[in-house]
Amino acid sequence: AADCSRLQAWIGTRPSTSLSIGID
């Protein structure tokens, strides 16, 4: 399980695509 708060603070975004959309 990833804590991506540092990534979001650095580049302004983080992965967000839901599993259902990605698997489809």
PDBML (XML) file of the C-alpha atoms, coordinates in Angstrom:
<?xml version="1.0" encoding="UTF-8" ?>
<PDBx:datablock datablockName="MODEL"
   xmlns:PDBx="http://pdbml.pdb.org/schema/pdbx-v50.xsd"
   xmlns:xsi="http://www.w3.org/2001/XMLSchema-instance"
   xsi:schemaLocation="http://pdbml.pdb.org/schema/pdbx-v50.xsd pdbx-v50.xsd">
   <PDBx:atom_siteCategory>
      <PDBx:atom_site id="1">
         <PDBx:B_iso_or_equiv>0.00</PDBx:B_iso_or_equiv>
         <PDBx:Cartn_x>0.000</PDBx:Cartn_x>
         <PDBx:Cartn_y>0.000</PDBx:Cartn_y>
         <PDBx:Cartn_z>0.000</PDBx:Cartn_z>
         <PDBx:auth_asym_id>A</PDBx:auth_asym_id>
         <PDBx:auth_atom_id>CA</PDBx:auth_atom_id>
         <PDBx:auth_comp_id>ALA</PDBx:auth_comp_id>
         <PDBx:auth_seq_id>1</PDBx:auth_seq_id>
         <PDBx:group_PDB>ATOM</PDBx:group_PDB>
         <PDBx:label_alt_id xsi:nil="true" />
         <PDBx:label_asym_id>A</PDBx:label_asym_id>
         <PDBx:label_atom_id>CA</PDBx:label_atom_id>
         <PDBx:label_comp_id>ALA</PDBx:label_comp_id>
         <PDBx:label_entity_id>1</PDBx:label_entity_id>
         <PDBx:label_seq_id>1</PDBx:label_seq_id>
         <PDBx:occupancy>1.00</PDBx:occupancy>
         <PDBx:pdbx_PDB_model_num>1</PDBx:pdbx_PDB_model_num>
         <PDBx:type_symbol>C</PDBx:type_symbol>
      </PDBx:atom_site>
      <PDBx:atom_site id="2">
         <PDBx:B_iso_or_equiv>0.00</PDBx:B_iso_or_equiv>
         <PDBx:Cartn_x>1.476</PDBx:Cartn_x>
         <PDBx:Cartn_y>3.328</PDBx:Cartn_y>
         <PDBx:Cartn_z>-1.061</PDBx:Cartn_z>
         <PDBx:auth_asym_id>A</PDBx:auth_asym_id>
         <PDBx:auth_atom_id>CA</PDBx:auth_atom_id>
         <PDBx:auth_comp_id>ALA</PDBx:auth_comp_id>
         <PDBx:auth_seq_id>2</PDBx:auth_seq_id>
         <PDBx:group_PDB>ATOM</PDBx:group_PDB>
         <PDBx:label_alt_id xsi:nil="true" />
         <PDBx:label_asym_id>A</PDBx:label_asym_id>
         <PDBx:label_atom_id>CA</PDBx:label_atom_id>
         <PDBx:label_comp_id>ALA</PDBx:label_comp_id>
         <PDBx:label_entity_id>1</PDBx:label_entity_id>
         <PDBx:label_seq_id>2</PDBx:label_seq_id>
         <PDBx:occupancy>1.00</PDBx:occupancy>
         <PDBx:pdbx_PDB_model_num>1</PDBx:pdbx_PDB_model_num>
         <PDBx:type_symbol>C</PDBx:type_symbol>
      </PDBx:atom_site>
      <PDBx:atom_site id="3">
         <PDBx:B_iso_or_equiv>0.00</PDBx:B_iso_or_equiv>
         <PDBx:Cartn_x>1.429</PDBx:Cartn_x>
         <PDBx:Cartn_y>6.667</PDBx:Cartn_y>
         <PDBx:Cartn_z>0.688</PDBx:Cartn_z>
         <PDBx:auth_asym_id>A</PDBx:auth_asym_id>
         <PDBx:auth_atom_id>CA</PDBx:auth_atom_id>
         <PDBx:auth_comp_id>ASP</PDBx:auth_comp_id>
         <PDBx:auth_seq_id>3</PDBx:auth_seq_id>
         <PDBx:group_PDB>ATOM</PDBx:group_PDB>
         <PDBx:label_alt_id xsi:nil="true" />
         <PDBx:label_asym_id>A</PDBx:label_asym_id>
         <PDBx:label_atom_id>CA</PDBx:label_atom_id>
         <PDBx:label_comp_id>ASP</PDBx:label_comp_id>
         <PDBx:label_entity_id>1</PDBx:label_entity_id>
         <PDBx:label_seq_id>3</PDBx:label_seq_id>
         <PDBx:occupancy>1.00</PDBx:occupancy>
         <PDBx:pdbx_PDB_model_num>1</PDBx:pdbx_PDB_model_num>
         <PDBx:type_symbol>C</PDBx:type_symbol>
      </PDBx:atom_site>
      <PDBx:atom_site id="4">
         <PDBx:B_iso_or_equiv>0.00</PDBx:B_iso_or_equiv>
         <PDBx:Cartn_x>1.777</PDBx:Cartn_x>
         <PDBx:Cartn_y>9.066</PDBx:Cartn_y>
         <PDBx:Cartn_z>-2.252</PDBx:Cartn_z>
         <PDBx:auth_asym_id>A</PDBx:auth_asym_id>
         <PDBx:auth_atom_id>CA</PDBx:auth_atom_id>
         <PDBx:auth_comp_id>CYS</PDBx:auth_comp_id>
         <PDBx:auth_seq_id>4</PDBx:auth_seq_id>
         <PDBx:group_PDB>ATOM</PDBx:group_PDB>
         <PDBx:label_alt_id xsi:nil="true" />
         <PDBx:label_asym_id>A</PDBx:label_asym_id>
         <PDBx:label_atom_id>CA</PDBx:label_atom_id>
         <PDBx:label_comp_id>CYS</PDBx:label_comp_id>
         <PDBx:label_entity_id>1</PDBx:label_entity_id>
         <PDBx:label_seq_id>4</PDBx:label_seq_id>
         <PDBx:occupancy>1.00</PDBx:occupancy>
         <PDBx:pdbx_PDB_model_num>1</PDBx:pdbx_PDB_model_num>
         <PDBx:type_symbol>C</PDBx:type_symbol>
      </PDBx:atom_site>
      <PDBx:atom_site id="5">
         <PDBx:B_iso_or_equiv>0.00</PDBx:B_iso_or_equiv>
         <PDBx:Cartn_x>1.483</PDBx:Cartn_x>
         <PDBx:Cartn_y>12.351</PDBx:Cartn_y>
         <PDBx:Cartn_z>-0.369</PDBx:Cartn_z>
         <PDBx:auth_asym_id>A</PDBx:auth_asym_id>
         <PDBx:auth_atom_id>CA</PDBx:auth_atom_id>
         <PDBx:auth_comp_id>SER</PDBx:auth_comp_id>
         <PDBx:auth_seq_id>5</PDBx:auth_seq_id>
         <PDBx:group_PDB>ATOM</PDBx:group_PDB>
         <PDBx:label_alt_id xsi:nil="true" />
         <PDBx:label_asym_id>A</PDBx:label_asym_id>
         <PDBx:label_atom_id>CA</PDBx:label_atom_id>
         <PDBx:label_comp_id>SER</PDBx:label_comp_id>
         <PDBx:label_entity_id>1</PDBx:label_entity_id>
         <PDBx:label_seq_id>5</PDBx:label_seq_id>
         <PDBx:occupancy>1.00</PDBx:occupancy>
         <PDBx:pdbx_PDB_model_num>1</PDBx:pdbx_PDB_model_num>
         <PDBx:type_symbol>C</PDBx:type_symbol>
      </PDBx:atom_site>
      <PDBx:atom_site id="6">
         <PDBx:B_iso_or_equiv>0.00</PDBx:B_iso_or_equiv>
         <PDBx:Cartn_x>5.092</PDBx:Cartn_x>
         <PDBx:Cartn_y>13.270</PDBx:Cartn_y>
         <PDBx:Cartn_z>-1.138</PDBx:Cartn_z>
         <PDBx:auth_asym_id>A</PDBx:auth_asym_id>
         <PDBx:auth_atom_id>CA</PDBx:auth_atom_id>
         <PDBx:auth_comp_id>ARG</PDBx:auth_comp_id>
         <PDBx:auth_seq_id>6</PDBx:auth_seq_id>
         <PDBx:group_PDB>ATOM</PDBx:group_PDB>
         <PDBx:label_alt_id xsi:nil="true" />
         <PDBx:label_asym_id>A</PDBx:label_asym_id>
         <PDBx:label_atom_id>CA</PDBx:label_atom_id>
         <PDBx:label_comp_id>ARG</PDBx:label_comp_id>
         <PDBx:label_entity_id>1</PDBx:label_entity_id>
         <PDBx:label_seq_id>6</PDBx:label_seq_id>
         <PDBx:occupancy>1.00</PDBx:occupancy>
         <PDBx:pdbx_PDB_model_num>1</PDBx:pdbx_PDB_model_num>
         <PDBx:type_symbol>C</PDBx:type_symbol>
      </PDBx:atom_site>
      <PDBx:atom_site id="7">
         <PDBx:B_iso_or_equiv>0.00</PDBx:B_iso_or_equiv>
         <PDBx:Cartn_x>4.597</PDBx:Cartn_x>
         <PDBx:Cartn_y>12.589</PDBx:Cartn_y>
         <PDBx:Cartn_z>-4.836</PDBx:Cartn_z>
         <PDBx:auth_asym_id>A</PDBx:auth_asym_id>
         <PDBx:auth_atom_id>CA</PDBx:auth_atom_id>
         <PDBx:auth_comp_id>LEU</PDBx:auth_comp_id>
         <PDBx:auth_seq_id>7</PDBx:auth_seq_id>
         <PDBx:group_PDB>ATOM</PDBx:group_PDB>
         <PDBx:label_alt_id xsi:nil="true" />
         <PDBx:label_asym_id>A</PDBx:label_asym_id>
         <PDBx:label_atom_id>CA</PDBx:label_atom_id>
         <PDBx:label_comp_id>LEU</PDBx:label_comp_id>
         <PDBx:label_entity_id>1</PDBx:label_entity_id>
         <PDBx:label_seq_id>7</PDBx:label_seq_id>
         <PDBx:occupancy>1.00</PDBx:occupancy>
         <PDBx:pdbx_PDB_model_num>1</PDBx:pdbx_PDB_model_num>
         <PDBx:type_symbol>C</PDBx:type_symbol>
      </PDBx:atom_site>
      <PDBx:atom_site id="8">
         <PDBx:B_iso_or_equiv>0.00</PDBx:B_iso_or_equiv>
         <PDBx:Cartn_x>1.461</PDBx:Cartn_x>
         <PDBx:Cartn_y>14.718</PDBx:Cartn_y>
         <PDBx:Cartn_z>-4.909</PDBx:Cartn_z>
         <PDBx:auth_asym_id>A</PDBx:auth_asym_id>
         <PDBx:auth_atom_id>CA</PDBx:auth_atom_id>
         <PDBx:auth_comp_id>GLN</PDBx:auth_comp_id>
         <PDBx:auth_seq_id>8</PDBx:auth_seq_id>
         <PDBx:group_PDB>ATOM</PDBx:group_PDB>
         <PDBx:label_alt_id xsi:nil="true" />
         <PDBx:label_asym_id>A</PDBx:label_asym_id>
         <PDBx:label_atom_id>CA</PDBx:label_atom_id>
         <PDBx:label_comp_id>GLN</PDBx:label_comp_id>
         <PDBx:label_entity_id>1</PDBx:label_entity_id>
         <PDBx:label_seq_id>8</PDBx:label_seq_id>
         <PDBx:occupancy>1.00</PDBx:occupancy>
         <PDBx:pdbx_PDB_model_num>1</PDBx:pdbx_PDB_model_num>
         <PDBx:type_symbol>C</PDBx:type_symbol>
      </PDBx:atom_site>
      <PDBx:atom_site id="9">
         <PDBx:B_iso_or_equiv>0.00</PDBx:B_iso_or_equiv>
         <PDBx:Cartn_x>3.228</PDBx:Cartn_x>
         <PDBx:Cartn_y>17.570</PDBx:Cartn_y>
         <PDBx:Cartn_z>-3.114</PDBx:Cartn_z>
         <PDBx:auth_asym_id>A</PDBx:auth_asym_id>
         <PDBx:auth_atom_id>CA</PDBx:auth_atom_id>
         <PDBx:auth_comp_id>ALA</PDBx:auth_comp_id>
         <PDBx:auth_seq_id>9</PDBx:auth_seq_id>
         <PDBx:group_PDB>ATOM</PDBx:group_PDB>
         <PDBx:label_alt_id xsi:nil="true" />
         <PDBx:label_asym_id>A</PDBx:label_asym_id>
         <PDBx:label_atom_id>CA</PDBx:label_atom_id>
         <PDBx:label_comp_id>ALA</PDBx:label_comp_id>
         <PDBx:label_entity_id>1</PDBx:label_entity_id>
         <PDBx:label_seq_id>9</PDBx:label_seq_id>
         <PDBx:occupancy>1.00</PDBx:occupancy>
         <PDBx:pdbx_PDB_model_num>1</PDBx:pdbx_PDB_model_num>
         <PDBx:type_symbol>C</PDBx:type_symbol>
      </PDBx:atom_site>
      <PDBx:atom_site id="10">
         <PDBx:B_iso_or_equiv>0.00</PDBx:B_iso_or_equiv>
         <PDBx:Cartn_x>6.110</PDBx:Cartn_x>
         <PDBx:Cartn_y>17.363</PDBx:Cartn_y>
         <PDBx:Cartn_z>-5.618</PDBx:Cartn_z>
         <PDBx:auth_asym_id>A</PDBx:auth_asym_id>
         <PDBx:auth_atom_id>CA</PDBx:auth_atom_id>
         <PDBx:auth_comp_id>TRP</PDBx:auth_comp_id>
         <PDBx:auth_seq_id>10</PDBx:auth_seq_id>
         <PDBx:group_PDB>ATOM</PDBx:group_PDB>
         <PDBx:label_alt_id xsi:nil="true" />
         <PDBx:label_asym_id>A</PDBx:label_asym_id>
         <PDBx:label_atom_id>CA</PDBx:label_atom_id>
         <PDBx:label_comp_id>TRP</PDBx:label_comp_id>
         <PDBx:label_entity_id>1</PDBx:label_entity_id>
         <PDBx:label_seq_id>10</PDBx:label_seq_id>
         <PDBx:occupancy>1.00</PDBx:occupancy>
         <PDBx:pdbx_PDB_model_num>1</PDBx:pdbx_PDB_model_num>
         <PDBx:type_symbol>C</PDBx:type_symbol>
      </PDBx:atom_site>
      <PDBx:atom_site id="11">
         <PDBx:B_iso_or_equiv>0.00</PDBx:B_iso_or_equiv>
         <PDBx:Cartn_x>4.231</PDBx:Cartn_x>
         <PDBx:Cartn_y>17.146</PDBx:Cartn_y>
         <PDBx:Cartn_z>-8.936</PDBx:Cartn_z>
         <PDBx:auth_asym_id>A</PDBx:auth_asym_id>
         <PDBx:auth_atom_id>CA</PDBx:auth_atom_id>
         <PDBx:auth_comp_id>ILE</PDBx:auth_comp_id>
         <PDBx:auth_seq_id>11</PDBx:auth_seq_id>
         <PDBx:group_PDB>ATOM</PDBx:group_PDB>
         <PDBx:label_alt_id xsi:nil="true" />
         <PDBx:label_asym_id>A</PDBx:label_asym_id>
         <PDBx:label_atom_id>CA</PDBx:label_atom_id>
         <PDBx:label_comp_id>ILE</PDBx:label_comp_id>
         <PDBx:label_entity_id>1</PDBx:label_entity_id>
         <PDBx:label_seq_id>11</PDBx:label_seq_id>
         <PDBx:occupancy>1.00</PDBx:occupancy>
         <PDBx:pdbx_PDB_model_num>1</PDBx:pdbx_PDB_model_num>
         <PDBx:type_symbol>C</PDBx:type_symbol>
      </PDBx:atom_site>
      <PDBx:atom_site id="12">
         <PDBx:B_iso_or_equiv>0.00</PDBx:B_iso_or_equiv>
         <PDBx:Cartn_x>0.689</PDBx:Cartn_x>
         <PDBx:Cartn_y>18.193</PDBx:Cartn_y>
         <PDBx:Cartn_z>-8.032</PDBx:Cartn_z>
         <PDBx:auth_asym_id>A</PDBx:auth_asym_id>
         <PDBx:auth_atom_id>CA</PDBx:auth_atom_id>
         <PDBx:auth_comp_id>GLY</PDBx:auth_comp_id>
         <PDBx:auth_seq_id>12</PDBx:auth_seq_id>
         <PDBx:group_PDB>ATOM</PDBx:group_PDB>
         <PDBx:label_alt_id xsi:nil="true" />
         <PDBx:label_asym_id>A</PDBx:label_asym_id>
         <PDBx:label_atom_id>CA</PDBx:label_atom_id>
         <PDBx:label_comp_id>GLY</PDBx:label_comp_id>
         <PDBx:label_entity_id>1</PDBx:label_entity_id>
         <PDBx:label_seq_id>12</PDBx:label_seq_id>
         <PDBx:occupancy>1.00</PDBx:occupancy>
         <PDBx:pdbx_PDB_model_num>1</PDBx:pdbx_PDB_model_num>
         <PDBx:type_symbol>C</PDBx:type_symbol>
      </PDBx:atom_site>
      <PDBx:atom_site id="13">
         <PDBx:B_iso_or_equiv>0.00</PDBx:B_iso_or_equiv>
         <PDBx:Cartn_x>-1.013</PDBx:Cartn_x>
         <PDBx:Cartn_y>14.889</PDBx:Cartn_y>
         <PDBx:Cartn_z>-8.836</PDBx:Cartn_z>
         <PDBx:auth_asym_id>A</PDBx:auth_asym_id>
         <PDBx:auth_atom_id>CA</PDBx:auth_atom_id>
         <PDBx:auth_comp_id>THR</PDBx:auth_comp_id>
         <PDBx:auth_seq_id>13</PDBx:auth_seq_id>
         <PDBx:group_PDB>ATOM</PDBx:group_PDB>
         <PDBx:label_alt_id xsi:nil="true" />
         <PDBx:label_asym_id>A</PDBx:label_asym_id>
         <PDBx:label_atom_id>CA</PDBx:label_atom_id>
         <PDBx:label_comp_id>THR</PDBx:label_comp_id>
         <PDBx:label_entity_id>1</PDBx:label_entity_id>
         <PDBx:label_seq_id>13</PDBx:label_seq_id>
         <PDBx:occupancy>1.00</PDBx:occupancy>
         <PDBx:pdbx_PDB_model_num>1</PDBx:pdbx_PDB_model_num>
         <PDBx:type_symbol>C</PDBx:type_symbol>
      </PDBx:atom_site>
      <PDBx:atom_site id="14">
         <PDBx:B_iso_or_equiv>0.00</PDBx:B_iso_or_equiv>
         <PDBx:Cartn_x>-1.101</PDBx:Cartn_x>
         <PDBx:Cartn_y>11.203</PDBx:Cartn_y>
         <PDBx:Cartn_z>-7.988</PDBx:Cartn_z>
         <PDBx:auth_asym_id>A</PDBx:auth_asym_id>
         <PDBx:auth_atom_id>CA</PDBx:auth_atom_id>
         <PDBx:auth_comp_id>ARG</PDBx:auth_comp_id>
         <PDBx:auth_seq_id>14</PDBx:auth_seq_id>
         <PDBx:group_PDB>ATOM</PDBx:group_PDB>
         <PDBx:label_alt_id xsi:nil="true" />
         <PDBx:label_asym_id>A</PDBx:label_asym_id>
         <PDBx:label_atom_id>CA</PDBx:label_atom_id>
         <PDBx:label_comp_id>ARG</PDBx:label_comp_id>
         <PDBx:label_entity_id>1</PDBx:label_entity_id>
         <PDBx:label_seq_id>14</PDBx:label_seq_id>
         <PDBx:occupancy>1.00</PDBx:occupancy>
         <PDBx:pdbx_PDB_model_num>1</PDBx:pdbx_PDB_model_num>
         <PDBx:type_symbol>C</PDBx:type_symbol>
      </PDBx:atom_site>
      <PDBx:atom_site id="15">
         <PDBx:B_iso_or_equiv>0.00</PDBx:B_iso_or_equiv>
         <PDBx:Cartn_x>-2.526</PDBx:Cartn_x>
         <PDBx:Cartn_y>8.028</PDBx:Cartn_y>
         <PDBx:Cartn_z>-9.585</PDBx:Cartn_z>
         <PDBx:auth_asym_id>A</PDBx:auth_asym_id>
         <PDBx:auth_atom_id>CA</PDBx:auth_atom_id>
         <PDBx:auth_comp_id>PRO</PDBx:auth_comp_id>
         <PDBx:auth_seq_id>15</PDBx:auth_seq_id>
         <PDBx:group_PDB>ATOM</PDBx:group_PDB>
         <PDBx:label_alt_id xsi:nil="true" />
         <PDBx:label_asym_id>A</PDBx:label_asym_id>
         <PDBx:label_atom_id>CA</PDBx:label_atom_id>
         <PDBx:label_comp_id>PRO</PDBx:label_comp_id>
         <PDBx:label_entity_id>1</PDBx:label_entity_id>
         <PDBx:label_seq_id>15</PDBx:label_seq_id>
         <PDBx:occupancy>1.00</PDBx:occupancy>
         <PDBx:pdbx_PDB_model_num>1</PDBx:pdbx_PDB_model_num>
         <PDBx:type_symbol>C</PDBx:type_symbol>
      </PDBx:atom_site>
      <PDBx:atom_site id="16">
         <PDBx:B_iso_or_equiv>0.00</PDBx:B_iso_or_equiv>
         <PDBx:Cartn_x>-6.324</PDBx:Cartn_x>
         <PDBx:Cartn_y>8.071</PDBx:Cartn_y>
         <PDBx:Cartn_z>-9.473</PDBx:Cartn_z>
         <PDBx:auth_asym_id>A</PDBx:auth_asym_id>
         <PDBx:auth_atom_id>CA</PDBx:auth_atom_id>
         <PDBx:auth_comp_id>SER</PDBx:auth_comp_id>
         <PDBx:auth_seq_id>16</PDBx:auth_seq_id>
         <PDBx:group_PDB>ATOM</PDBx:group_PDB>
         <PDBx:label_alt_id xsi:nil="true" />
         <PDBx:label_asym_id>A</PDBx:label_asym_id>
         <PDBx:label_atom_id>CA</PDBx:label_atom_id>
         <PDBx:label_comp_id>SER</PDBx:label_comp_id>
         <PDBx:label_entity_id>1</PDBx:label_entity_id>
         <PDBx:label_seq_id>16</PDBx:label_seq_id>
         <PDBx:occupancy>1.00</PDBx:occupancy>
         <PDBx:pdbx_PDB_model_num>1</PDBx:pdbx_PDB_model_num>
         <PDBx:type_symbol>C</PDBx:type_symbol>
      </PDBx:atom_site>
      <PDBx:atom_site id="17">
         <PDBx:B_iso_or_equiv>0.00</PDBx:B_iso_or_equiv>
         <PDBx:Cartn_x>-7.803</PDBx:Cartn_x>
         <PDBx:Cartn_y>5.711</PDBx:Cartn_y>
         <PDBx:Cartn_z>-12.098</PDBx:Cartn_z>
         <PDBx:auth_asym_id>A</PDBx:auth_asym_id>
         <PDBx:auth_atom_id>CA</PDBx:auth_atom_id>
         <PDBx:auth_comp_id>THR</PDBx:auth_comp_id>
         <PDBx:auth_seq_id>17</PDBx:auth_seq_id>
         <PDBx:group_PDB>ATOM</PDBx:group_PDB>
         <PDBx:label_alt_id xsi:nil="true" />
         <PDBx:label_asym_id>A</PDBx:label_asym_id>
         <PDBx:label_atom_id>CA</PDBx:label_atom_id>
         <PDBx:label_comp_id>THR</PDBx:label_comp_id>
         <PDBx:label_entity_id>1</PDBx:label_entity_id>
         <PDBx:label_seq_id>17</PDBx:label_seq_id>
         <PDBx:occupancy>1.00</PDBx:occupancy>
         <PDBx:pdbx_PDB_model_num>1</PDBx:pdbx_PDB_model_num>
         <PDBx:type_symbol>C</PDBx:type_symbol>
      </PDBx:atom_site>
      <PDBx:atom_site id="18">
         <PDBx:B_iso_or_equiv>0.00</PDBx:B_iso_or_equiv>
         <PDBx:Cartn_x>-10.244</PDBx:Cartn_x>
         <PDBx:Cartn_y>3.326</PDBx:Cartn_y>
         <PDBx:Cartn_z>-10.397</PDBx:Cartn_z>
         <PDBx:auth_asym_id>A</PDBx:auth_asym_id>
         <PDBx:auth_atom_id>CA</PDBx:auth_atom_id>
         <PDBx:auth_comp_id>SER</PDBx:auth_comp_id>
         <PDBx:auth_seq_id>18</PDBx:auth_seq_id>
         <PDBx:group_PDB>ATOM</PDBx:group_PDB>
         <PDBx:label_alt_id xsi:nil="true" />
         <PDBx:label_asym_id>A</PDBx:label_asym_id>
         <PDBx:label_atom_id>CA</PDBx:label_atom_id>
         <PDBx:label_comp_id>SER</PDBx:label_comp_id>
         <PDBx:label_entity_id>1</PDBx:label_entity_id>
         <PDBx:label_seq_id>18</PDBx:label_seq_id>
         <PDBx:occupancy>1.00</PDBx:occupancy>
         <PDBx:pdbx_PDB_model_num>1</PDBx:pdbx_PDB_model_num>
         <PDBx:type_symbol>C</PDBx:type_symbol>
      </PDBx:atom_site>
      <PDBx:atom_site id="19">
         <PDBx:B_iso_or_equiv>0.00</PDBx:B_iso_or_equiv>
         <PDBx:Cartn_x>-9.722</PDBx:Cartn_x>
         <PDBx:Cartn_y>-0.424</PDBx:Cartn_y>
         <PDBx:Cartn_z>-10.604</PDBx:Cartn_z>
         <PDBx:auth_asym_id>A</PDBx:auth_asym_id>
         <PDBx:auth_atom_id>CA</PDBx:auth_atom_id>
         <PDBx:auth_comp_id>LEU</PDBx:auth_comp_id>
         <PDBx:auth_seq_id>19</PDBx:auth_seq_id>
         <PDBx:group_PDB>ATOM</PDBx:group_PDB>
         <PDBx:label_alt_id xsi:nil="true" />
         <PDBx:label_asym_id>A</PDBx:label_asym_id>
         <PDBx:label_atom_id>CA</PDBx:label_atom_id>
         <PDBx:label_comp_id>LEU</PDBx:label_comp_id>
         <PDBx:label_entity_id>1</PDBx:label_entity_id>
         <PDBx:label_seq_id>19</PDBx:label_seq_id>
         <PDBx:occupancy>1.00</PDBx:occupancy>
         <PDBx:pdbx_PDB_model_num>1</PDBx:pdbx_PDB_model_num>
         <PDBx:type_symbol>C</PDBx:type_symbol>
      </PDBx:atom_site>
      <PDBx:atom_site id="20">
         <PDBx:B_iso_or_equiv>0.00</PDBx:B_iso_or_equiv>
         <PDBx:Cartn_x>-13.007</PDBx:Cartn_x>
         <PDBx:Cartn_y>-0.935</PDBx:Cartn_y>
         <PDBx:Cartn_z>-12.462</PDBx:Cartn_z>
         <PDBx:auth_asym_id>A</PDBx:auth_asym_id>
         <PDBx:auth_atom_id>CA</PDBx:auth_atom_id>
         <PDBx:auth_comp_id>SER</PDBx:auth_comp_id>
         <PDBx:auth_seq_id>20</PDBx:auth_seq_id>
         <PDBx:group_PDB>ATOM</PDBx:group_PDB>
         <PDBx:label_alt_id xsi:nil="true" />
         <PDBx:label_asym_id>A</PDBx:label_asym_id>
         <PDBx:label_atom_id>CA</PDBx:label_atom_id>
         <PDBx:label_comp_id>SER</PDBx:label_comp_id>
         <PDBx:label_entity_id>1</PDBx:label_entity_id>
         <PDBx:label_seq_id>20</PDBx:label_seq_id>
         <PDBx:occupancy>1.00</PDBx:occupancy>
         <PDBx:pdbx_PDB_model_num>1</PDBx:pdbx_PDB_model_num>
         <PDBx:type_symbol>C</PDBx:type_symbol>
      </PDBx:atom_site>
      <PDBx:atom_site id="21">
         <PDBx:B_iso_or_equiv>0.00</PDBx:B_iso_or_equiv>
         <PDBx:Cartn_x>-12.064</PDBx:Cartn_x>
         <PDBx:Cartn_y>1.539</PDBx:Cartn_y>
         <PDBx:Cartn_z>-15.202</PDBx:Cartn_z>
         <PDBx:auth_asym_id>A</PDBx:auth_asym_id>
         <PDBx:auth_atom_id>CA</PDBx:auth_atom_id>
         <PDBx:auth_comp_id>ILE</PDBx:auth_comp_id>
         <PDBx:auth_seq_id>21</PDBx:auth_seq_id>
         <PDBx:group_PDB>ATOM</PDBx:group_PDB>
         <PDBx:label_alt_id xsi:nil="true" />
         <PDBx:label_asym_id>A</PDBx:label_asym_id>
         <PDBx:label_atom_id>CA</PDBx:label_atom_id>
         <PDBx:label_comp_id>ILE</PDBx:label_comp_id>
         <PDBx:label_entity_id>1</PDBx:label_entity_id>
         <PDBx:label_seq_id>21</PDBx:label_seq_id>
         <PDBx:occupancy>1.00</PDBx:occupancy>
         <PDBx:pdbx_PDB_model_num>1</PDBx:pdbx_PDB_model_num>
         <PDBx:type_symbol>C</PDBx:type_symbol>
      </PDBx:atom_site>
      <PDBx:atom_site id="22">
         <PDBx:B_iso_or_equiv>0.00</PDBx:B_iso_or_equiv>
         <PDBx:Cartn_x>-8.518</PDBx:Cartn_x>
         <PDBx:Cartn_y>0.231</PDBx:Cartn_y>
         <PDBx:Cartn_z>-15.465</PDBx:Cartn_z>
         <PDBx:auth_asym_id>A</PDBx:auth_asym_id>
         <PDBx:auth_atom_id>CA</PDBx:auth_atom_id>
         <PDBx:auth_comp_id>GLY</PDBx:auth_comp_id>
         <PDBx:auth_seq_id>22</PDBx:auth_seq_id>
         <PDBx:group_PDB>ATOM</PDBx:group_PDB>
         <PDBx:label_alt_id xsi:nil="true" />
         <PDBx:label_asym_id>A</PDBx:label_asym_id>
         <PDBx:label_atom_id>CA</PDBx:label_atom_id>
         <PDBx:label_comp_id>GLY</PDBx:label_comp_id>
         <PDBx:label_entity_id>1</PDBx:label_entity_id>
         <PDBx:label_seq_id>22</PDBx:label_seq_id>
         <PDBx:occupancy>1.00</PDBx:occupancy>
         <PDBx:pdbx_PDB_model_num>1</PDBx:pdbx_PDB_model_num>
         <PDBx:type_symbol>C</PDBx:type_symbol>
      </PDBx:atom_site>
      <PDBx:atom_site id="23">
         <PDBx:B_iso_or_equiv>0.00</PDBx:B_iso_or_equiv>
         <PDBx:Cartn_x>-9.592</PDBx:Cartn_x>
         <PDBx:Cartn_y>-3.406</PDBx:Cartn_y>
         <PDBx:Cartn_z>-15.650</PDBx:Cartn_z>
         <PDBx:auth_asym_id>A</PDBx:auth_asym_id>
         <PDBx:auth_atom_id>CA</PDBx:auth_atom_id>
         <PDBx:auth_comp_id>ILE</PDBx:auth_comp_id>
         <PDBx:auth_seq_id>23</PDBx:auth_seq_id>
         <PDBx:group_PDB>ATOM</PDBx:group_PDB>
         <PDBx:label_alt_id xsi:nil="true" />
         <PDBx:label_asym_id>A</PDBx:label_asym_id>
         <PDBx:label_atom_id>CA</PDBx:label_atom_id>
         <PDBx:label_comp_id>ILE</PDBx:label_comp_id>
         <PDBx:label_entity_id>1</PDBx:label_entity_id>
         <PDBx:label_seq_id>23</PDBx:label_seq_id>
         <PDBx:occupancy>1.00</PDBx:occupancy>
         <PDBx:pdbx_PDB_model_num>1</PDBx:pdbx_PDB_model_num>
         <PDBx:type_symbol>C</PDBx:type_symbol>
      </PDBx:atom_site>
      <PDBx:atom_site id="24">
         <PDBx:B_iso_or_equiv>0.00</PDBx:B_iso_or_equiv>
         <PDBx:Cartn_x>-12.242</PDBx:Cartn_x>
         <PDBx:Cartn_y>-2.625</PDBx:Cartn_y>
         <PDBx:Cartn_z>-18.287</PDBx:Cartn_z>
         <PDBx:auth_asym_id>A</PDBx:auth_asym_id>
         <PDBx:auth_atom_id>CA</PDBx:auth_atom_id>
         <PDBx:auth_comp_id>ASP</PDBx:auth_comp_id>
         <PDBx:auth_seq_id>24</PDBx:auth_seq_id>
         <PDBx:group_PDB>ATOM</PDBx:group_PDB>
         <PDBx:label_alt_id xsi:nil="true" />
         <PDBx:label_asym_id>A</PDBx:label_asym_id>
         <PDBx:label_atom_id>CA</PDBx:label_atom_id>
         <PDBx:label_comp_id>ASP</PDBx:label_comp_id>
         <PDBx:label_entity_id>1</PDBx:label_entity_id>
         <PDBx:label_seq_id>24</PDBx:label_seq_id>
         <PDBx:occupancy>1.00</PDBx:occupancy>
         <PDBx:pdbx_PDB_model_num>1</PDBx:pdbx_PDB_model_num>
         <PDBx:type_symbol>C</PDBx:type_symbol>
      </PDBx:atom_site>
   </PDBx:atom_siteCategory>
</PDBx:datablock>
